[in-house]
Amino acid sequence: MLNGKRLYDISMPIHEGMQVWKDKADKRPEFRNMNNHDVGQSHETRMLLDAHCGTHLDAPLHMVKGGATIDAIPLTDLIGTARVLDVTDAEESIGAEHLERYDLQEGEWVLLKTRNSLNESNNFDLNFVFLNAEGARYAADRKIRGVGTDALGIERAQPEYPTHRTLMNNGVLILEGLRLAEVPEGTYTLVLAPLKLQGIEAAPARAFLLGEE
């Protein structure tokens, strides 16, 4: 609880054996102990971390040549109203037909809760539910602020990455790697804090929701 609000941490924990994109070894984080108490020094750790590790925010540069970098996204776009949509009935992908039943509002964040949220293992699901091109177009046309997904990617097996590019070219932010299993469908306040990195295409982030008890 926080000031009478229920707090949901929707971020993935980062550790060396965590779930990463397609279980690729070069995507796994590495923690290297540089100093420790056994040698009479303070405990210090060096990290090797992919920018798309765990819960992370994409910037347009990720898929759009010459697109904005992660540091160009204003913090004011990362705090605000968000709705968790229960689309666990989507078997393969989320299309316009899944979103039309919700009255998507201009300027809000939409967080997609799918069967991906049930996969809490450290193994990547190659058949994860994704937002397809038609769903992305519908969301962009509604002028939402951002869309979040409970998979490590918002799309799969789509040539030319139409989901990413449709959203990014229309100013819709993309948040990937959420943990929504314990979050009921509803309206919340989203607080999203990506690392303050400069000049690159993404950043790991801590994300949480505040809602009524």
N, C-alpha and C. Protein backbone atom coordinates (compact mmCIF):
# COMPACT_ATOMS: atom_id res chain seq x y z
N MET A 1 0.83 -1.19 0.00
CA MET A 1 0.00 0.00 0.00
C MET A 1 0.88 1.26 0.00
N LEU A 2 0.42 2.30 -0.69
CA LEU A 2 1.11 3.57 -0.74
C LEU A 2 0.06 4.67 -0.74
N ASN A 3 -0.04 5.39 0.37
CA ASN A 3 -1.04 6.45 0.50
C ASN A 3 -2.43 5.96 0.15
N GLY A 4 -2.74 4.76 0.67
CA GLY A 4 -4.07 4.21 0.45
C GLY A 4 -4.26 3.55 -0.90
N LYS A 5 -3.20 3.49 -1.71
CA LYS A 5 -3.28 2.88 -3.04
C LYS A 5 -2.58 1.52 -3.02
N ARG A 6 -3.11 0.59 -3.82
CA ARG A 6 -2.46 -0.71 -3.98
C ARG A 6 -1.33 -0.55 -4.99
N LEU A 7 -0.15 -1.05 -4.65
CA LEU A 7 1.01 -0.91 -5.52
C LEU A 7 1.34 -2.27 -6.14
N TYR A 8 1.47 -2.29 -7.46
CA TYR A 8 1.85 -3.49 -8.19
C TYR A 8 3.20 -3.24 -8.89
N ASP A 9 4.20 -4.02 -8.53
CA ASP A 9 5.46 -3.97 -9.25
C ASP A 9 5.31 -4.85 -10.48
N ILE A 10 5.39 -4.28 -11.67
CA ILE A 10 5.17 -5.04 -12.91
C ILE A 10 6.47 -5.21 -13.69
N SER A 11 7.59 -5.14 -12.98
CA SER A 11 8.91 -5.28 -13.60
C SER A 11 9.44 -6.70 -13.43
N MET A 12 10.24 -7.14 -14.39
CA MET A 12 10.93 -8.41 -14.28
C MET A 12 12.16 -8.25 -13.39
N PRO A 13 12.42 -9.20 -12.48
CA PRO A 13 13.69 -9.17 -11.75
C PRO A 13 14.84 -9.51 -12.70
N ILE A 14 15.94 -8.82 -12.54
CA ILE A 14 17.10 -9.05 -13.41
C ILE A 14 18.12 -9.91 -12.67
N HIS A 15 18.44 -11.05 -13.27
CA HIS A 15 19.46 -11.95 -12.72
C HIS A 15 20.06 -12.75 -13.86
N GLU A 16 21.14 -13.42 -13.61
CA GLU A 16 21.89 -14.06 -14.68
C GLU A 16 21.13 -15.20 -15.37
N GLY A 17 20.23 -15.86 -14.65
CA GLY A 17 19.49 -16.96 -15.25
C GLY A 17 18.10 -16.59 -15.74
N MET A 18 17.81 -15.29 -15.88
CA MET A 18 16.47 -14.83 -16.23
C MET A 18 16.08 -15.17 -17.66
N GLN A 19 14.81 -15.01 -17.94
CA GLN A 19 14.30 -15.19 -19.30
C GLN A 19 14.81 -14.07 -20.20
N VAL A 20 15.37 -14.46 -21.35
CA VAL A 20 15.85 -13.47 -22.31
C VAL A 20 15.35 -13.84 -23.70
N TRP A 21 15.47 -12.91 -24.63
CA TRP A 21 14.96 -13.07 -25.99
C TRP A 21 15.53 -14.33 -26.65
N LYS A 22 14.63 -15.24 -26.98
CA LYS A 22 14.97 -16.50 -27.66
C LYS A 22 16.05 -17.32 -26.96
N ASP A 23 16.17 -17.11 -25.65
CA ASP A 23 17.14 -17.85 -24.83
C ASP A 23 18.58 -17.70 -25.34
N LYS A 24 18.88 -16.58 -25.99
CA LYS A 24 20.22 -16.37 -26.54
C LYS A 24 21.21 -16.06 -25.42
N ALA A 25 22.33 -16.77 -25.45
CA ALA A 25 23.34 -16.59 -24.40
C ALA A 25 23.87 -15.15 -24.36
N ASP A 26 23.99 -14.53 -25.53
CA ASP A 26 24.56 -13.17 -25.55
C ASP A 26 23.56 -12.11 -25.09
N LYS A 27 22.33 -12.52 -24.80
CA LYS A 27 21.33 -11.59 -24.27
C LYS A 27 21.27 -11.63 -22.74
N ARG A 28 21.94 -12.62 -22.14
CA ARG A 28 21.84 -12.79 -20.69
C ARG A 28 22.71 -11.76 -19.97
N PRO A 29 22.19 -11.22 -18.88
CA PRO A 29 23.02 -10.29 -18.10
C PRO A 29 24.14 -11.03 -17.39
N GLU A 30 25.21 -10.33 -17.14
CA GLU A 30 26.33 -10.88 -16.40
C GLU A 30 26.65 -9.97 -15.22
N PHE A 31 26.80 -10.56 -14.06
CA PHE A 31 27.21 -9.83 -12.86
C PHE A 31 28.61 -10.30 -12.49
N ARG A 32 29.54 -9.39 -12.41
CA ARG A 32 30.92 -9.74 -12.08
C ARG A 32 31.32 -9.03 -10.78
N ASN A 33 31.69 -9.83 -9.80
CA ASN A 33 32.13 -9.25 -8.53
C ASN A 33 33.55 -8.70 -8.68
N MET A 34 33.71 -7.41 -8.40
CA MET A 34 34.99 -6.74 -8.57
C MET A 34 35.75 -6.61 -7.25
N ASN A 35 35.01 -6.41 -6.17
CA ASN A 35 35.58 -6.33 -4.82
C ASN A 35 34.59 -6.96 -3.86
N ASN A 36 35.08 -7.44 -2.72
CA ASN A 36 34.16 -8.01 -1.74
C ASN A 36 34.77 -7.96 -0.34
N HIS A 37 33.95 -8.30 0.66
CA HIS A 37 34.37 -8.20 2.05
C HIS A 37 35.44 -9.23 2.41
N ASP A 38 35.50 -10.34 1.68
CA ASP A 38 36.48 -11.38 1.98
C ASP A 38 37.92 -10.89 1.78
N VAL A 39 38.08 -9.89 0.94
CA VAL A 39 39.42 -9.34 0.71
C VAL A 39 39.57 -7.97 1.38
N GLY A 40 38.64 -7.70 2.30
CA GLY A 40 38.75 -6.48 3.09
C GLY A 40 38.32 -5.22 2.37
N GLN A 41 37.51 -5.37 1.34
CA GLN A 41 37.04 -4.20 0.60
C GLN A 41 35.51 -4.19 0.56
N SER A 42 34.96 -3.08 0.07
CA SER A 42 33.51 -3.01 -0.08
C SER A 42 33.06 -3.97 -1.18
N HIS A 43 31.80 -4.36 -1.11
CA HIS A 43 31.25 -5.28 -2.12
C HIS A 43 30.83 -4.46 -3.34
N GLU A 44 31.39 -4.78 -4.51
CA GLU A 44 31.09 -4.03 -5.73
C GLU A 44 30.88 -5.01 -6.88
N THR A 45 29.90 -4.69 -7.71
CA THR A 45 29.54 -5.55 -8.84
C THR A 45 29.53 -4.77 -10.14
N ARG A 46 30.10 -5.36 -11.18
CA ARG A 46 30.02 -4.78 -12.51
C ARG A 46 29.02 -5.58 -13.32
N MET A 47 28.16 -4.87 -14.08
CA MET A 47 27.12 -5.53 -14.85
C MET A 47 27.37 -5.40 -16.35
N LEU A 48 27.06 -6.48 -17.07
CA LEU A 48 26.96 -6.42 -18.53
C LEU A 48 25.50 -6.64 -18.84
N LEU A 49 24.84 -5.61 -19.37
CA LEU A 49 23.39 -5.63 -19.48
C LEU A 49 22.94 -5.17 -20.86
N ASP A 50 22.15 -6.01 -21.54
CA ASP A 50 21.58 -5.62 -22.81
C ASP A 50 20.53 -4.52 -22.59
N ALA A 51 20.46 -3.57 -23.48
CA ALA A 51 19.50 -2.47 -23.34
C ALA A 51 18.05 -2.94 -23.39
N HIS A 52 17.83 -4.14 -23.95
CA HIS A 52 16.49 -4.70 -24.05
C HIS A 52 16.28 -5.83 -23.04
N CYS A 53 17.01 -5.78 -21.95
CA CYS A 53 16.94 -6.81 -20.92
C CYS A 53 15.70 -6.62 -20.05
N GLY A 54 14.95 -7.69 -19.85
CA GLY A 54 13.81 -7.64 -18.94
C GLY A 54 12.79 -6.59 -19.34
N THR A 55 12.22 -5.94 -18.34
CA THR A 55 11.27 -4.86 -18.59
C THR A 55 12.05 -3.67 -19.16
N HIS A 56 11.65 -3.22 -20.34
CA HIS A 56 12.42 -2.15 -20.98
C HIS A 56 11.54 -1.31 -21.89
N LEU A 57 11.98 -0.09 -22.10
CA LEU A 57 11.29 0.86 -22.96
C LEU A 57 12.08 1.02 -24.26
N ASP A 58 11.38 0.85 -25.38
CA ASP A 58 11.99 1.07 -26.69
C ASP A 58 11.89 2.53 -27.09
N ALA A 59 12.89 3.02 -27.76
CA ALA A 59 12.83 4.34 -28.39
C ALA A 59 12.71 4.14 -29.90
N PRO A 60 12.22 5.13 -30.64
CA PRO A 60 12.05 4.98 -32.09
C PRO A 60 13.30 4.52 -32.83
N LEU A 61 14.49 4.90 -32.37
CA LEU A 61 15.72 4.51 -33.05
C LEU A 61 15.83 2.99 -33.19
N HIS A 62 15.18 2.25 -32.32
CA HIS A 62 15.25 0.78 -32.36
C HIS A 62 14.81 0.23 -33.71
N MET A 63 13.80 0.85 -34.33
CA MET A 63 13.27 0.33 -35.58
C MET A 63 13.15 1.37 -36.69
N VAL A 64 13.40 2.62 -36.36
CA VAL A 64 13.23 3.71 -37.33
C VAL A 64 14.57 4.39 -37.54
N LYS A 65 15.11 4.36 -38.75
CA LYS A 65 16.38 5.01 -39.04
C LYS A 65 16.29 6.50 -38.75
N GLY A 66 17.23 6.98 -37.96
CA GLY A 66 17.21 8.39 -37.59
C GLY A 66 16.21 8.73 -36.51
N GLY A 67 15.57 7.70 -35.92
CA GLY A 67 14.57 7.93 -34.89
C GLY A 67 15.16 8.46 -33.59
N ALA A 68 14.30 8.94 -32.72
CA ALA A 68 14.72 9.51 -31.44
C ALA A 68 15.34 8.45 -30.55
N THR A 69 16.28 8.88 -29.72
CA THR A 69 16.93 7.99 -28.76
C THR A 69 16.16 8.00 -27.44
N ILE A 70 16.55 7.08 -26.56
CA ILE A 70 15.77 6.89 -25.33
C ILE A 70 15.76 8.14 -24.45
N ASP A 71 16.84 8.92 -24.46
CA ASP A 71 16.90 10.11 -23.62
C ASP A 71 16.02 11.25 -24.12
N ALA A 72 15.49 11.12 -25.34
CA ALA A 72 14.61 12.16 -25.89
C ALA A 72 13.16 11.99 -25.44
N ILE A 73 12.85 10.87 -24.79
CA ILE A 73 11.47 10.64 -24.34
C ILE A 73 11.26 11.38 -23.02
N PRO A 74 10.33 12.32 -22.96
CA PRO A 74 10.15 13.10 -21.73
C PRO A 74 9.52 12.27 -20.61
N LEU A 75 9.94 12.54 -19.38
CA LEU A 75 9.39 11.83 -18.24
C LEU A 75 7.89 12.02 -18.11
N THR A 76 7.39 13.14 -18.59
CA THR A 76 5.94 13.39 -18.50
C THR A 76 5.13 12.38 -19.30
N ASP A 77 5.77 11.71 -20.27
CA ASP A 77 5.08 10.68 -21.04
C ASP A 77 5.08 9.33 -20.33
N LEU A 78 5.83 9.23 -19.23
CA LEU A 78 6.04 7.95 -18.57
C LEU A 78 5.31 7.82 -17.24
N ILE A 79 4.53 8.82 -16.90
CA ILE A 79 3.70 8.80 -15.70
C ILE A 79 2.30 9.23 -16.09
N GLY A 80 1.31 8.41 -15.79
CA GLY A 80 -0.05 8.80 -16.15
C GLY A 80 -1.01 7.62 -16.12
N THR A 81 -2.18 7.86 -16.66
CA THR A 81 -3.24 6.86 -16.64
C THR A 81 -2.90 5.68 -17.55
N ALA A 82 -3.09 4.49 -17.00
CA ALA A 82 -2.87 3.27 -17.77
C ALA A 82 -4.02 2.31 -17.50
N ARG A 83 -4.38 1.59 -18.53
CA ARG A 83 -5.40 0.56 -18.35
C ARG A 83 -4.82 -0.80 -18.68
N VAL A 84 -5.03 -1.75 -17.78
CA VAL A 84 -4.66 -3.13 -18.03
C VAL A 84 -5.85 -3.80 -18.71
N LEU A 85 -5.61 -4.33 -19.91
CA LEU A 85 -6.66 -4.99 -20.68
C LEU A 85 -6.43 -6.49 -20.63
N ASP A 86 -7.43 -7.23 -20.20
CA ASP A 86 -7.33 -8.69 -20.15
C ASP A 86 -7.68 -9.25 -21.52
N VAL A 87 -6.65 -9.62 -22.27
CA VAL A 87 -6.84 -10.21 -23.59
C VAL A 87 -6.26 -11.63 -23.59
N THR A 88 -6.49 -12.33 -22.49
CA THR A 88 -6.00 -13.70 -22.37
C THR A 88 -6.73 -14.65 -23.31
N ASP A 89 -7.81 -14.18 -23.94
CA ASP A 89 -8.52 -15.01 -24.92
C ASP A 89 -7.81 -15.01 -26.28
N ALA A 90 -6.84 -14.14 -26.47
CA ALA A 90 -6.09 -14.12 -27.74
C ALA A 90 -5.15 -15.32 -27.78
N GLU A 91 -5.28 -16.15 -28.79
CA GLU A 91 -4.49 -17.37 -28.86
C GLU A 91 -3.12 -17.16 -29.50
N GLU A 92 -3.07 -16.42 -30.59
CA GLU A 92 -1.81 -16.20 -31.30
C GLU A 92 -1.36 -14.75 -31.26
N SER A 93 -2.28 -13.85 -31.60
CA SER A 93 -1.93 -12.44 -31.65
C SER A 93 -3.13 -11.59 -31.27
N ILE A 94 -2.86 -10.34 -30.97
CA ILE A 94 -3.90 -9.37 -30.60
C ILE A 94 -4.14 -8.48 -31.80
N GLY A 95 -5.35 -8.48 -32.27
CA GLY A 95 -5.72 -7.66 -33.42
C GLY A 95 -6.71 -6.58 -33.04
N ALA A 96 -7.15 -5.85 -34.03
CA ALA A 96 -8.13 -4.78 -33.79
C ALA A 96 -9.37 -5.31 -33.11
N GLU A 97 -9.77 -6.56 -33.45
CA GLU A 97 -11.00 -7.12 -32.88
C GLU A 97 -10.90 -7.31 -31.37
N HIS A 98 -9.69 -7.48 -30.85
CA HIS A 98 -9.53 -7.61 -29.41
C HIS A 98 -9.56 -6.26 -28.71
N LEU A 99 -9.19 -5.20 -29.42
CA LEU A 99 -9.10 -3.88 -28.81
C LEU A 99 -10.38 -3.07 -28.98
N GLU A 100 -11.18 -3.40 -29.97
CA GLU A 100 -12.39 -2.63 -30.25
C GLU A 100 -13.40 -2.67 -29.12
N ARG A 101 -13.34 -3.71 -28.29
CA ARG A 101 -14.30 -3.81 -27.19
C ARG A 101 -13.96 -2.87 -26.05
N TYR A 102 -12.77 -2.27 -26.12
CA TYR A 102 -12.36 -1.27 -25.14
C TYR A 102 -12.40 0.11 -25.81
N ASP A 103 -12.83 1.09 -25.07
CA ASP A 103 -12.88 2.44 -25.60
C ASP A 103 -11.53 3.11 -25.33
N LEU A 104 -10.54 2.79 -26.19
CA LEU A 104 -9.21 3.33 -25.98
C LEU A 104 -9.25 4.85 -26.04
N GLN A 105 -8.54 5.48 -25.10
CA GLN A 105 -8.59 6.93 -24.97
C GLN A 105 -7.27 7.57 -25.40
N GLU A 106 -7.38 8.69 -26.06
CA GLU A 106 -6.19 9.43 -26.46
C GLU A 106 -5.36 9.78 -25.23
N GLY A 107 -4.06 9.54 -25.30
CA GLY A 107 -3.16 9.93 -24.23
C GLY A 107 -2.98 8.94 -23.11
N GLU A 108 -3.67 7.79 -23.16
CA GLU A 108 -3.51 6.82 -22.08
C GLU A 108 -2.53 5.72 -22.48
N TRP A 109 -2.01 5.05 -21.47
CA TRP A 109 -1.22 3.84 -21.68
C TRP A 109 -2.14 2.63 -21.69
N VAL A 110 -1.87 1.68 -22.57
CA VAL A 110 -2.62 0.43 -22.63
C VAL A 110 -1.64 -0.72 -22.37
N LEU A 111 -1.92 -1.51 -21.35
CA LEU A 111 -1.06 -2.64 -20.99
C LEU A 111 -1.80 -3.94 -21.28
N LEU A 112 -1.20 -4.78 -22.11
CA LEU A 112 -1.86 -5.98 -22.61
C LEU A 112 -1.51 -7.19 -21.75
N LYS A 113 -2.51 -7.70 -21.06
CA LYS A 113 -2.34 -8.89 -20.23
C LYS A 113 -2.79 -10.11 -21.03
N THR A 114 -1.85 -10.98 -21.38
CA THR A 114 -2.14 -12.14 -22.21
C THR A 114 -1.74 -13.41 -21.46
N ARG A 115 -1.83 -14.52 -22.15
CA ARG A 115 -1.38 -15.77 -21.54
C ARG A 115 0.13 -15.75 -21.30
N ASN A 116 0.83 -14.80 -21.89
CA ASN A 116 2.27 -14.67 -21.62
C ASN A 116 2.54 -14.49 -20.12
N SER A 117 1.59 -13.85 -19.43
CA SER A 117 1.78 -13.57 -18.01
C SER A 117 1.83 -14.85 -17.17
N LEU A 118 1.35 -15.94 -17.74
CA LEU A 118 1.38 -17.21 -17.01
C LEU A 118 2.74 -17.89 -17.09
N ASN A 119 3.59 -17.41 -18.02
CA ASN A 119 4.93 -17.98 -18.17
C ASN A 119 5.90 -17.24 -17.27
N GLU A 120 6.07 -17.74 -16.07
CA GLU A 120 6.97 -17.11 -15.11
C GLU A 120 8.29 -17.86 -15.01
N SER A 121 8.53 -18.78 -15.95
CA SER A 121 9.78 -19.53 -15.95
C SER A 121 10.89 -18.67 -16.53
N ASN A 122 12.09 -19.22 -16.53
CA ASN A 122 13.22 -18.52 -17.12
C ASN A 122 13.44 -18.92 -18.58
N ASN A 123 12.45 -19.63 -19.14
CA ASN A 123 12.55 -20.08 -20.53
C ASN A 123 11.69 -19.22 -21.44
N PHE A 124 12.22 -18.88 -22.58
CA PHE A 124 11.52 -18.04 -23.56
C PHE A 124 10.50 -18.87 -24.34
N ASP A 125 9.31 -18.32 -24.52
CA ASP A 125 8.25 -18.97 -25.29
C ASP A 125 8.28 -18.43 -26.72
N LEU A 126 8.71 -19.25 -27.66
CA LEU A 126 8.79 -18.81 -29.05
C LEU A 126 7.42 -18.47 -29.63
N ASN A 127 6.36 -19.00 -29.05
CA ASN A 127 5.01 -18.77 -29.55
C ASN A 127 4.25 -17.77 -28.69
N PHE A 128 4.95 -16.80 -28.15
CA PHE A 128 4.30 -15.80 -27.31
C PHE A 128 3.24 -15.01 -28.09
N VAL A 129 2.22 -14.56 -27.36
CA VAL A 129 1.17 -13.74 -27.96
C VAL A 129 1.72 -12.34 -28.22
N PHE A 130 1.44 -11.81 -29.42
CA PHE A 130 1.99 -10.50 -29.79
C PHE A 130 0.88 -9.60 -30.34
N LEU A 131 1.20 -8.34 -30.49
CA LEU A 131 0.29 -7.37 -31.09
C LEU A 131 0.56 -7.34 -32.59
N ASN A 132 -0.45 -7.73 -33.38
CA ASN A 132 -0.21 -7.80 -34.82
C ASN A 132 -0.35 -6.42 -35.48
N ALA A 133 -0.07 -6.37 -36.76
CA ALA A 133 -0.03 -5.10 -37.49
C ALA A 133 -1.37 -4.37 -37.45
N GLU A 134 -2.47 -5.13 -37.58
CA GLU A 134 -3.80 -4.51 -37.55
C GLU A 134 -4.11 -3.94 -36.17
N GLY A 135 -3.71 -4.67 -35.14
CA GLY A 135 -3.91 -4.17 -33.78
C GLY A 135 -3.10 -2.92 -33.52
N ALA A 136 -1.88 -2.88 -34.05
CA ALA A 136 -1.04 -1.70 -33.89
C ALA A 136 -1.64 -0.50 -34.59
N ARG A 137 -2.17 -0.72 -35.78
CA ARG A 137 -2.79 0.38 -36.52
C ARG A 137 -3.99 0.93 -35.77
N TYR A 138 -4.80 0.04 -35.22
CA TYR A 138 -5.97 0.48 -34.46
C TYR A 138 -5.55 1.30 -33.25
N ALA A 139 -4.54 0.81 -32.51
CA ALA A 139 -4.07 1.53 -31.33
C ALA A 139 -3.50 2.90 -31.70
N ALA A 140 -2.74 2.95 -32.79
CA ALA A 140 -2.16 4.22 -33.23
C ALA A 140 -3.24 5.21 -33.63
N ASP A 141 -4.27 4.71 -34.30
CA ASP A 141 -5.36 5.59 -34.73
C ASP A 141 -6.12 6.18 -33.54
N ARG A 142 -6.09 5.47 -32.42
CA ARG A 142 -6.76 5.98 -31.21
C ARG A 142 -5.87 6.97 -30.45
N LYS A 143 -4.64 7.15 -30.91
CA LYS A 143 -3.70 8.14 -30.36
C LYS A 143 -3.40 7.91 -28.88
N ILE A 144 -3.23 6.64 -28.52
CA ILE A 144 -2.82 6.36 -27.16
C ILE A 144 -1.39 6.80 -26.95
N ARG A 145 -0.98 6.93 -25.70
CA ARG A 145 0.38 7.40 -25.40
C ARG A 145 1.39 6.27 -25.54
N GLY A 146 1.01 5.08 -25.07
CA GLY A 146 1.94 3.97 -25.14
C GLY A 146 1.23 2.65 -24.98
N VAL A 147 1.90 1.59 -25.39
CA VAL A 147 1.36 0.24 -25.23
C VAL A 147 2.43 -0.63 -24.59
N GLY A 148 2.01 -1.42 -23.59
CA GLY A 148 2.91 -2.33 -22.92
C GLY A 148 2.47 -3.76 -23.12
N THR A 149 3.43 -4.67 -23.12
CA THR A 149 3.13 -6.08 -23.33
C THR A 149 3.84 -6.94 -22.30
N ASP A 150 3.25 -8.09 -22.02
CA ASP A 150 3.85 -9.02 -21.05
C ASP A 150 4.74 -10.05 -21.73
N ALA A 151 5.21 -9.75 -22.92
CA ALA A 151 6.22 -10.55 -23.60
C ALA A 151 7.48 -9.70 -23.75
N LEU A 152 8.60 -10.36 -24.05
CA LEU A 152 9.85 -9.61 -24.22
C LEU A 152 9.90 -8.87 -25.55
N GLY A 153 8.95 -9.14 -26.43
CA GLY A 153 8.82 -8.41 -27.69
C GLY A 153 7.36 -8.14 -27.98
N ILE A 154 7.08 -7.07 -28.68
CA ILE A 154 5.69 -6.74 -28.98
C ILE A 154 5.21 -7.39 -30.27
N GLU A 155 6.16 -7.97 -31.04
CA GLU A 155 5.74 -8.67 -32.25
C GLU A 155 6.71 -9.80 -32.54
N ARG A 156 6.26 -10.73 -33.39
CA ARG A 156 7.11 -11.84 -33.84
C ARG A 156 6.67 -12.25 -35.24
N ALA A 157 7.63 -12.74 -36.01
CA ALA A 157 7.36 -13.32 -37.33
C ALA A 157 6.57 -12.40 -38.25
N GLN A 158 6.87 -11.10 -38.18
CA GLN A 158 6.25 -10.15 -39.09
C GLN A 158 7.37 -9.45 -39.87
N PRO A 159 7.48 -9.73 -41.17
CA PRO A 159 8.52 -9.07 -41.96
C PRO A 159 8.41 -7.55 -41.89
N GLU A 160 9.53 -6.89 -41.81
CA GLU A 160 9.63 -5.42 -41.78
C GLU A 160 9.10 -4.79 -40.49
N TYR A 161 8.78 -5.59 -39.50
CA TYR A 161 8.40 -5.10 -38.18
C TYR A 161 7.27 -4.04 -38.21
N PRO A 162 6.12 -4.37 -38.81
CA PRO A 162 5.06 -3.36 -38.94
C PRO A 162 4.47 -2.90 -37.61
N THR A 163 4.45 -3.77 -36.60
CA THR A 163 3.89 -3.34 -35.31
C THR A 163 4.75 -2.25 -34.69
N HIS A 164 6.04 -2.52 -34.56
CA HIS A 164 6.95 -1.50 -34.03
C HIS A 164 6.85 -0.21 -34.83
N ARG A 165 6.98 -0.33 -36.13
CA ARG A 165 7.10 0.87 -36.96
C ARG A 165 5.81 1.66 -37.03
N THR A 166 4.67 0.98 -37.04
CA THR A 166 3.39 1.70 -37.03
C THR A 166 3.25 2.51 -35.75
N LEU A 167 3.55 1.88 -34.62
CA LEU A 167 3.43 2.58 -33.34
C LEU A 167 4.45 3.72 -33.25
N MET A 168 5.70 3.43 -33.56
CA MET A 168 6.75 4.44 -33.41
C MET A 168 6.56 5.61 -34.35
N ASN A 169 6.13 5.36 -35.57
CA ASN A 169 5.92 6.45 -36.52
C ASN A 169 4.71 7.30 -36.19
N ASN A 170 3.92 6.84 -35.23
CA ASN A 170 2.74 7.61 -34.81
C ASN A 170 2.85 8.08 -33.36
N GLY A 171 4.08 8.06 -32.85
CA GLY A 171 4.32 8.62 -31.53
C GLY A 171 3.84 7.79 -30.36
N VAL A 172 3.61 6.48 -30.59
CA VAL A 172 3.15 5.60 -29.52
C VAL A 172 4.37 4.88 -28.93
N LEU A 173 4.57 5.01 -27.63
CA LEU A 173 5.70 4.38 -26.96
C LEU A 173 5.47 2.88 -26.78
N ILE A 174 6.56 2.11 -26.69
CA ILE A 174 6.48 0.65 -26.57
C ILE A 174 7.24 0.21 -25.33
N LEU A 175 6.52 -0.48 -24.45
CA LEU A 175 7.08 -1.02 -23.21
C LEU A 175 6.95 -2.54 -23.25
N GLU A 176 8.05 -3.24 -23.09
CA GLU A 176 8.05 -4.70 -23.22
C GLU A 176 8.56 -5.36 -21.94
N GLY A 177 8.17 -6.64 -21.76
CA GLY A 177 8.68 -7.41 -20.63
C GLY A 177 7.97 -7.13 -19.31
N LEU A 178 6.67 -6.85 -19.35
CA LEU A 178 5.92 -6.59 -18.12
C LEU A 178 5.55 -7.89 -17.42
N ARG A 179 5.23 -7.79 -16.15
CA ARG A 179 4.73 -8.91 -15.35
C ARG A 179 3.35 -8.53 -14.82
N LEU A 180 2.31 -9.10 -15.41
CA LEU A 180 0.94 -8.67 -15.13
C LEU A 180 0.07 -9.78 -14.54
N ALA A 181 0.66 -10.92 -14.19
CA ALA A 181 -0.13 -12.07 -13.73
C ALA A 181 -1.02 -11.73 -12.53
N GLU A 182 -0.53 -10.90 -11.62
CA GLU A 182 -1.27 -10.60 -10.40
C GLU A 182 -2.09 -9.31 -10.48
N VAL A 183 -2.12 -8.70 -11.66
CA VAL A 183 -2.79 -7.40 -11.81
C VAL A 183 -4.16 -7.58 -12.45
N PRO A 184 -5.25 -7.22 -11.75
CA PRO A 184 -6.58 -7.31 -12.34
C PRO A 184 -6.77 -6.28 -13.45
N GLU A 185 -7.64 -6.60 -14.38
CA GLU A 185 -8.01 -5.63 -15.41
C GLU A 185 -8.56 -4.38 -14.74
N GLY A 186 -8.20 -3.22 -15.25
CA GLY A 186 -8.71 -1.99 -14.66
C GLY A 186 -7.84 -0.79 -14.98
N THR A 187 -8.15 0.31 -14.32
CA THR A 187 -7.46 1.59 -14.55
C THR A 187 -6.51 1.88 -13.39
N TYR A 188 -5.31 2.32 -13.74
CA TYR A 188 -4.26 2.55 -12.76
C TYR A 188 -3.49 3.83 -13.11
N THR A 189 -2.60 4.20 -12.20
CA THR A 189 -1.58 5.19 -12.51
C THR A 189 -0.28 4.44 -12.76
N LEU A 190 0.31 4.65 -13.93
CA LEU A 190 1.58 4.02 -14.28
C LEU A 190 2.73 4.95 -13.94
N VAL A 191 3.77 4.38 -13.33
CA VAL A 191 5.03 5.10 -13.12
C VAL A 191 6.12 4.24 -13.77
N LEU A 192 6.78 4.82 -14.74
CA LEU A 192 7.79 4.10 -15.53
C LEU A 192 9.10 4.87 -15.45
N ALA A 193 10.17 4.18 -15.03
CA ALA A 193 11.45 4.86 -14.83
C ALA A 193 12.57 4.11 -15.55
N PRO A 194 12.79 4.41 -16.84
CA PRO A 194 13.92 3.80 -17.55
C PRO A 194 15.23 4.40 -17.07
N LEU A 195 16.31 3.63 -17.18
CA LEU A 195 17.62 4.16 -16.86
C LEU A 195 17.91 5.39 -17.73
N LYS A 196 18.61 6.35 -17.16
CA LYS A 196 18.88 7.61 -17.86
C LYS A 196 20.11 7.44 -18.75
N LEU A 197 19.91 6.67 -19.83
CA LEU A 197 20.97 6.41 -20.79
C LEU A 197 20.88 7.42 -21.93
N GLN A 198 21.97 7.65 -22.60
CA GLN A 198 21.99 8.64 -23.68
C GLN A 198 22.43 8.03 -25.00
N GLY A 199 21.72 8.44 -26.06
CA GLY A 199 22.16 8.15 -27.41
C GLY A 199 21.89 6.75 -27.92
N ILE A 200 21.13 5.93 -27.17
CA ILE A 200 20.85 4.58 -27.64
C ILE A 200 19.35 4.35 -27.79
N GLU A 201 18.98 3.13 -28.17
CA GLU A 201 17.62 2.85 -28.66
C GLU A 201 16.66 2.26 -27.62
N ALA A 202 17.12 1.99 -26.40
CA ALA A 202 16.26 1.39 -25.39
C ALA A 202 16.90 1.52 -24.03
N ALA A 203 16.13 1.20 -22.99
CA ALA A 203 16.69 1.20 -21.64
C ALA A 203 15.86 0.28 -20.75
N PRO A 204 16.53 -0.54 -19.93
CA PRO A 204 15.81 -1.29 -18.89
C PRO A 204 15.08 -0.32 -17.98
N ALA A 205 13.95 -0.76 -17.42
CA ALA A 205 13.12 0.16 -16.65
C ALA A 205 12.49 -0.54 -15.45
N ARG A 206 12.23 0.22 -14.42
CA ARG A 206 11.39 -0.21 -13.31
C ARG A 206 10.02 0.37 -13.58
N ALA A 207 8.99 -0.47 -13.49
CA ALA A 207 7.63 -0.03 -13.76
C ALA A 207 6.70 -0.51 -12.65
N PHE A 208 5.81 0.37 -12.23
CA PHE A 208 4.80 -0.08 -11.26
C PHE A 208 3.50 0.67 -11.47
N LEU A 209 2.44 0.07 -10.92
CA LEU A 209 1.10 0.61 -11.05
C LEU A 209 0.54 0.93 -9.66
N LEU A 210 -0.21 2.00 -9.59
CA LEU A 210 -0.94 2.36 -8.39
C LEU A 210 -2.43 2.30 -8.68
N GLY A 211 -3.17 1.54 -7.86
CA GLY A 211 -4.60 1.41 -8.09
C GLY A 211 -5.36 1.40 -6.78
N GLU A 212 -6.67 1.47 -6.90
CA GLU A 212 -7.52 1.45 -5.70
C GLU A 212 -7.50 0.06 -5.08
N GLU A 213 -7.55 0.02 -3.75
CA GLU A 213 -7.55 -1.25 -3.04
C GLU A 213 -8.87 -1.99 -3.30
